Amino acid sequence: MNDDGQSDDAGVSGDDNAADGTAAKVDPVERAKKYTDRLIDLVVAAKAANENTRHVVYSPHLAEQISRSYAANAFRQLQNTLLYYSVVRVCALFDYAANDRISLHTVINALPNKRSVRKVARQRKFEHFNQGEPRNLTPEEDPEVREILRDHWQQEFKRRGAHAERVTYKQVRVAKKIIDRAERLFIADNLRPFRNNHIGHNIAEEAREGKKISFVLGMEDRALEHAKCAVDLLHQALNSTGFSWDSLEQMQRRNASNGLSL
């Protein structure tokens, strides 16, 4: 790690060091697919922690039940601990790219140009091309009708493949914009320096220069929403599957509310 806090391995190459010291060739796109799948789990965990933070730090429900006493000091420490933990989890999603680091930047760096994105888009396209004709429980006996149905499904699969290819380009492009926006508004100048200098207090060089870093409450929540949107788009583009975020968030809000109610 260099003095500005960025990893020396800022880019993602196709070579990993194998256990025996030899270089094993790893396709960056395949690594990005695997890491995007893992990022879903990390965002889910971060959102669960964030829901607890929302109830303890931002809601007066628990705070109003704490009277003026030494318990208030303990409750303040609990609030800070949950808030700092949420900041750490969110920042980890946006950590600088490295082959062994599961972060949004690692995935984006695996798609650095049109050629790499085209590879992913073509894969999604041919997934539809290679689909078999739907089975009919009552097969059509008329050969002319069977020919019409076969031509119909071939054209339909081509149409779906072309649509998936166009959508993939858009999903990757929008995901990059979301990540850049989160970096610019929340991460680069606020949350990451706060984590490195205040929570970690010795991660980056500027921590030893006495530079004061702060952030506005709620930034971690907004950054996490950006991460969720970016991960969802990348997961659809790379792995052709989405995630039911609405039902997850309802469950997490219910769990946090029931678990922290007194």
Protein backbone atom coordinates (compact mmCIF):
# COMPACT_ATOMS: atom_id res chain seq x y z
CA MET A 1 0.00 0.00 0.00
CA ASN A 2 1.43 3.39 -0.94
CA ASP A 3 1.26 6.70 0.95
CA ASP A 4 -2.06 7.79 -0.52
CA GLY A 5 -3.74 4.67 0.80
CA GLN A 6 -4.07 3.02 -2.61
CA SER A 7 -2.99 -0.52 -3.17
CA ASP A 8 0.18 -0.96 -5.20
CA ASP A 9 -1.80 -3.55 -7.15
CA ALA A 10 -4.34 -1.01 -8.33
CA GLY A 11 -5.08 -2.86 -11.53
CA VAL A 12 -6.40 -6.37 -11.93
CA SER A 13 -4.28 -8.61 -14.09
CA GLY A 14 -4.93 -12.09 -15.27
CA ASP A 15 -2.11 -13.69 -13.28
CA ASP A 16 -2.44 -15.02 -9.76
CA ASN A 17 0.33 -16.67 -7.82
CA ALA A 18 -0.35 -20.32 -7.29
CA ALA A 19 0.54 -22.11 -4.07
CA ASP A 20 3.65 -23.61 -5.65
CA GLY A 21 4.96 -20.22 -6.73
CA THR A 22 4.03 -20.61 -10.40
CA ALA A 23 1.77 -18.16 -12.19
CA ALA A 24 -1.69 -19.52 -12.87
CA LYS A 25 -3.61 -17.76 -15.59
CA VAL A 26 -6.99 -16.56 -14.35
CA ASP A 27 -9.48 -14.87 -16.63
CA PRO A 28 -10.29 -11.47 -15.06
CA VAL A 29 -13.87 -11.69 -16.32
CA GLU A 30 -14.36 -15.09 -14.66
CA ARG A 31 -12.89 -13.68 -11.46
CA ALA A 32 -15.27 -10.73 -11.71
CA LYS A 33 -18.23 -13.10 -12.04
CA LYS A 34 -17.20 -14.96 -8.89
CA TYR A 35 -16.48 -11.78 -6.95
CA THR A 36 -19.79 -10.21 -7.98
CA ASP A 37 -21.58 -13.24 -6.58
CA ARG A 38 -19.66 -12.79 -3.31
CA LEU A 39 -20.41 -9.06 -3.29
CA ILE A 40 -24.11 -9.84 -3.08
CA ASP A 41 -23.48 -11.59 0.25
CA LEU A 42 -21.31 -8.71 1.48
CA VAL A 43 -23.95 -6.12 0.60
CA VAL A 44 -26.61 -8.23 2.35
CA ALA A 45 -24.44 -8.35 5.49
CA ALA A 46 -23.71 -4.62 5.29
CA LYS A 47 -27.41 -3.81 4.95
CA ALA A 48 -28.24 -5.96 7.98
CA ALA A 49 -25.67 -4.05 10.04
CA ASN A 50 -26.97 -0.77 8.64
CA GLU A 51 -30.54 -1.54 9.70
CA ASN A 52 -29.36 -2.08 13.29
CA THR A 53 -27.45 1.21 13.08
CA ARG A 54 -30.54 2.96 11.79
CA HIS A 55 -32.56 1.89 14.83
CA VAL A 56 -29.89 2.55 17.45
CA VAL A 57 -28.21 5.70 16.08
CA TYR A 58 -30.87 7.51 14.06
CA SER A 59 -34.10 6.50 15.78
CA PRO A 60 -35.01 8.04 19.17
CA HIS A 61 -36.95 4.91 20.17
CA LEU A 62 -34.13 3.41 22.26
CA ALA A 63 -32.42 6.67 23.23
CA GLU A 64 -35.57 8.04 24.87
CA GLN A 65 -35.65 5.02 27.19
CA ILE A 66 -32.18 5.72 28.58
CA SER A 67 -32.34 8.06 31.59
CA ARG A 68 -29.56 10.40 32.70
CA SER A 69 -27.10 7.97 34.21
CA TYR A 70 -23.90 6.07 33.52
CA ALA A 71 -26.00 3.87 31.23
CA ALA A 72 -26.24 6.83 28.85
CA ASN A 73 -22.46 6.75 28.38
CA ALA A 74 -22.57 3.04 27.62
CA PHE A 75 -25.39 3.61 25.16
CA ARG A 76 -23.37 6.33 23.42
CA GLN A 77 -20.50 3.87 23.02
CA LEU A 78 -22.94 1.34 21.57
CA GLN A 79 -24.14 3.91 19.06
CA ASN A 80 -20.60 4.78 18.00
CA THR A 81 -19.61 1.12 17.71
CA LEU A 82 -22.54 0.28 15.44
CA LEU A 83 -22.01 3.40 13.34
CA TYR A 84 -18.29 2.76 12.90
CA TYR A 85 -18.93 -0.87 12.00
CA SER A 86 -21.39 0.21 9.29
CA VAL A 87 -18.81 2.65 7.91
CA VAL A 88 -16.15 -0.09 7.80
CA ARG A 89 -18.46 -2.52 5.97
CA VAL A 90 -19.50 0.10 3.42
CA CYS A 91 -15.93 1.26 2.76
CA ALA A 92 -14.81 -2.34 2.19
CA LEU A 93 -17.23 -2.58 -0.73
CA PHE A 94 -15.41 0.35 -2.40
CA ASP A 95 -11.83 -0.63 -1.54
CA TYR A 96 -9.19 -0.24 -4.24
CA ALA A 97 -8.93 -3.02 -6.81
CA ALA A 98 -6.66 -6.01 -6.23
CA ASN A 99 -6.73 -9.61 -7.44
CA ASP A 100 -7.44 -10.95 -3.96
CA ARG A 101 -9.82 -8.18 -2.89
CA ILE A 102 -13.57 -8.57 -3.31
CA SER A 103 -14.74 -5.05 -4.05
CA LEU A 104 -16.66 -3.10 -6.65
CA HIS A 105 -13.47 -1.60 -8.05
CA THR A 106 -11.97 -5.07 -8.55
CA VAL A 107 -14.98 -6.07 -10.64
CA ILE A 108 -14.97 -2.84 -12.64
CA ASN A 109 -11.22 -3.09 -13.28
CA ALA A 110 -11.82 -6.53 -14.79
CA LEU A 111 -13.95 -4.78 -17.44
CA PRO A 112 -11.57 -1.98 -18.42
CA ASN A 113 -12.49 -1.60 -22.09
CA LYS A 114 -15.11 -2.29 -24.73
CA ARG A 115 -13.47 -5.58 -25.64
CA SER A 116 -13.93 -7.06 -22.16
CA VAL A 117 -17.52 -5.81 -21.90
CA ARG A 118 -18.22 -7.17 -25.39
CA LYS A 119 -17.03 -10.58 -24.21
CA VAL A 120 -19.57 -10.56 -21.38
CA ALA A 121 -22.34 -9.26 -23.65
CA ARG A 122 -21.66 -11.93 -26.27
CA GLN A 123 -21.78 -14.64 -23.61
CA ARG A 124 -25.25 -13.50 -22.56
CA LYS A 125 -26.29 -13.32 -26.20
CA PHE A 126 -25.26 -16.89 -26.96
CA GLU A 127 -26.88 -18.17 -23.77
CA HIS A 128 -30.19 -17.42 -25.50
CA PHE A 129 -29.03 -18.69 -28.88
CA ASN A 130 -28.23 -22.08 -27.40
CA GLN A 131 -31.56 -22.55 -25.67
CA GLY A 132 -33.58 -25.52 -26.81
CA GLU A 133 -37.09 -25.29 -28.12
CA PRO A 134 -39.67 -25.50 -25.29
CA ARG A 135 -41.10 -28.96 -24.87
CA ASN A 136 -44.74 -29.47 -25.66
CA LEU A 137 -46.67 -32.03 -23.64
CA THR A 138 -48.84 -32.61 -26.71
CA PRO A 139 -46.34 -32.65 -29.61
CA GLU A 140 -47.58 -31.27 -32.88
CA GLU A 141 -47.91 -34.01 -35.50
CA ASP A 142 -48.22 -31.78 -38.53
CA PRO A 143 -44.67 -31.33 -39.94
CA GLU A 144 -45.55 -27.96 -41.44
CA VAL A 145 -46.70 -26.63 -38.07
CA ARG A 146 -43.58 -28.04 -36.41
CA GLU A 147 -41.46 -26.16 -38.94
CA ILE A 148 -43.34 -22.93 -38.22
CA LEU A 149 -42.87 -23.37 -34.48
CA ARG A 150 -39.17 -24.14 -34.88
CA ASP A 151 -38.62 -21.01 -36.97
CA HIS A 152 -40.60 -18.97 -34.45
CA TRP A 153 -38.47 -20.06 -31.52
CA GLN A 154 -35.22 -19.57 -33.42
CA GLN A 155 -36.19 -15.99 -34.18
CA GLU A 156 -37.42 -15.47 -30.61
CA PHE A 157 -34.15 -16.68 -29.13
CA LYS A 158 -32.19 -14.42 -31.50
CA ARG A 159 -34.34 -11.48 -30.43
CA ARG A 160 -33.84 -12.27 -26.73
CA GLY A 161 -30.10 -12.69 -27.25
CA ALA A 162 -29.78 -9.36 -29.05
CA HIS A 163 -31.79 -7.67 -26.29
CA ALA A 164 -29.63 -9.25 -23.56
CA GLU A 165 -26.50 -8.06 -25.35
CA ARG A 166 -27.74 -4.47 -25.50
CA VAL A 167 -28.87 -4.54 -21.88
CA THR A 168 -25.48 -5.87 -20.72
CA TYR A 169 -23.63 -2.91 -22.23
CA LYS A 170 -26.04 -0.54 -20.47
CA GLN A 171 -25.87 -2.34 -17.11
CA VAL A 172 -22.06 -2.22 -16.98
CA ARG A 173 -22.01 1.42 -18.09
CA VAL A 174 -24.56 2.50 -15.48
CA ALA A 175 -22.86 0.47 -12.74
CA LYS A 176 -19.57 2.28 -13.45
CA LYS A 177 -21.32 5.64 -13.21
CA ILE A 178 -22.93 4.70 -9.89
CA ILE A 179 -19.59 3.60 -8.41
CA ASP A 180 -17.86 6.78 -9.62
CA ARG A 181 -20.65 8.90 -8.15
CA ALA A 182 -20.43 7.16 -4.77
CA GLU A 183 -16.66 7.61 -4.75
CA ARG A 184 -16.97 11.31 -5.54
CA LEU A 185 -19.79 12.14 -3.12
CA PHE A 186 -19.29 9.83 -0.15
CA ILE A 187 -16.22 7.62 -0.18
CA ALA A 188 -13.04 9.31 -1.41
CA ASP A 189 -13.10 12.46 0.74
CA ASN A 190 -15.30 11.38 3.63
CA LEU A 191 -15.99 7.77 4.56
CA ARG A 192 -12.70 6.18 3.50
CA PRO A 193 -10.50 8.83 5.18
CA PHE A 194 -12.70 8.61 8.29
CA ARG A 195 -12.23 4.83 8.37
CA ASN A 196 -8.50 5.04 7.72
CA ASN A 197 -7.73 7.91 10.09
CA HIS A 198 -10.31 7.73 12.86
CA ILE A 199 -11.62 4.17 13.10
CA GLY A 200 -8.48 2.40 11.88
CA HIS A 201 -6.34 5.40 13.03
CA ASN A 202 -3.18 3.97 11.50
CA ILE A 203 -4.12 2.62 8.09
CA ALA A 204 -3.03 5.57 5.95
CA GLU A 205 -0.12 8.01 6.12
CA GLU A 206 -2.29 11.07 6.76
CA ALA A 207 -3.41 9.51 10.05
CA ARG A 208 0.00 10.39 11.45
CA GLU A 209 -0.16 13.98 10.21
CA GLY A 210 -2.97 15.04 12.51
CA LYS A 211 -5.37 15.78 9.68
CA LYS A 212 -8.93 15.98 10.93
CA ILE A 213 -11.43 13.96 8.91
CA SER A 214 -15.19 13.86 9.39
CA PHE A 215 -18.32 12.89 7.52
CA VAL A 216 -22.01 13.75 7.58
CA LEU A 217 -24.25 11.22 9.32
CA GLY A 218 -26.23 9.27 6.77
CA MET A 219 -23.45 9.16 4.17
CA GLU A 220 -22.81 5.51 4.94
CA ASP A 221 -26.46 4.70 4.24
CA ARG A 222 -26.46 6.53 0.91
CA ALA A 223 -23.16 4.96 -0.13
CA LEU A 224 -24.57 1.52 0.67
CA GLU A 225 -27.59 2.20 -1.54
CA HIS A 226 -25.22 3.08 -4.38
CA ALA A 227 -23.29 -0.14 -3.75
CA LYS A 228 -26.50 -2.16 -3.79
CA CYS A 229 -27.58 -0.71 -7.14
CA ALA A 230 -24.14 -1.22 -8.70
CA VAL A 231 -23.82 -4.80 -7.44
CA ASP A 232 -27.28 -5.67 -8.67
CA LEU A 233 -26.53 -4.35 -12.17
CA LEU A 234 -23.16 -6.10 -12.33
CA HIS A 235 -24.63 -9.36 -11.06
CA GLN A 236 -27.29 -9.27 -13.78
CA ALA A 237 -24.70 -8.40 -16.44
CA LEU A 238 -22.09 -10.97 -15.42
CA ASN A 239 -24.18 -13.81 -13.96
CA SER A 240 -27.53 -13.26 -15.71
CA THR A 241 -29.43 -13.27 -12.41
CA GLY A 242 -30.96 -10.64 -10.17
CA PHE A 243 -31.73 -10.46 -6.47
CA SER A 244 -34.95 -9.77 -4.56
CA TRP A 245 -33.82 -6.71 -2.61
CA ASP A 246 -37.30 -5.53 -1.60
CA SER A 247 -38.19 -8.70 0.31
CA LEU A 248 -34.72 -8.79 1.89
CA GLU A 249 -34.96 -5.20 3.12
CA GLN A 250 -38.43 -5.78 4.57
CA MET A 251 -37.14 -8.81 6.47
CA GLN A 252 -34.06 -6.95 7.74
CA ARG A 253 -36.13 -3.98 8.93
CA ARG A 254 -38.48 -6.34 10.75
CA ASN A 255 -35.60 -8.25 12.34
CA ALA A 256 -33.85 -5.08 13.49
CA SER A 257 -37.06 -3.60 14.86
CA ASN A 258 -38.02 -6.76 16.78
CA GLY A 259 -34.52 -7.53 17.94
CA LEU A 260 -33.77 -4.05 19.31
CA SER A 261 -37.13 -3.24 20.83
CA LEU A 262 -37.20 -3.07 24.60
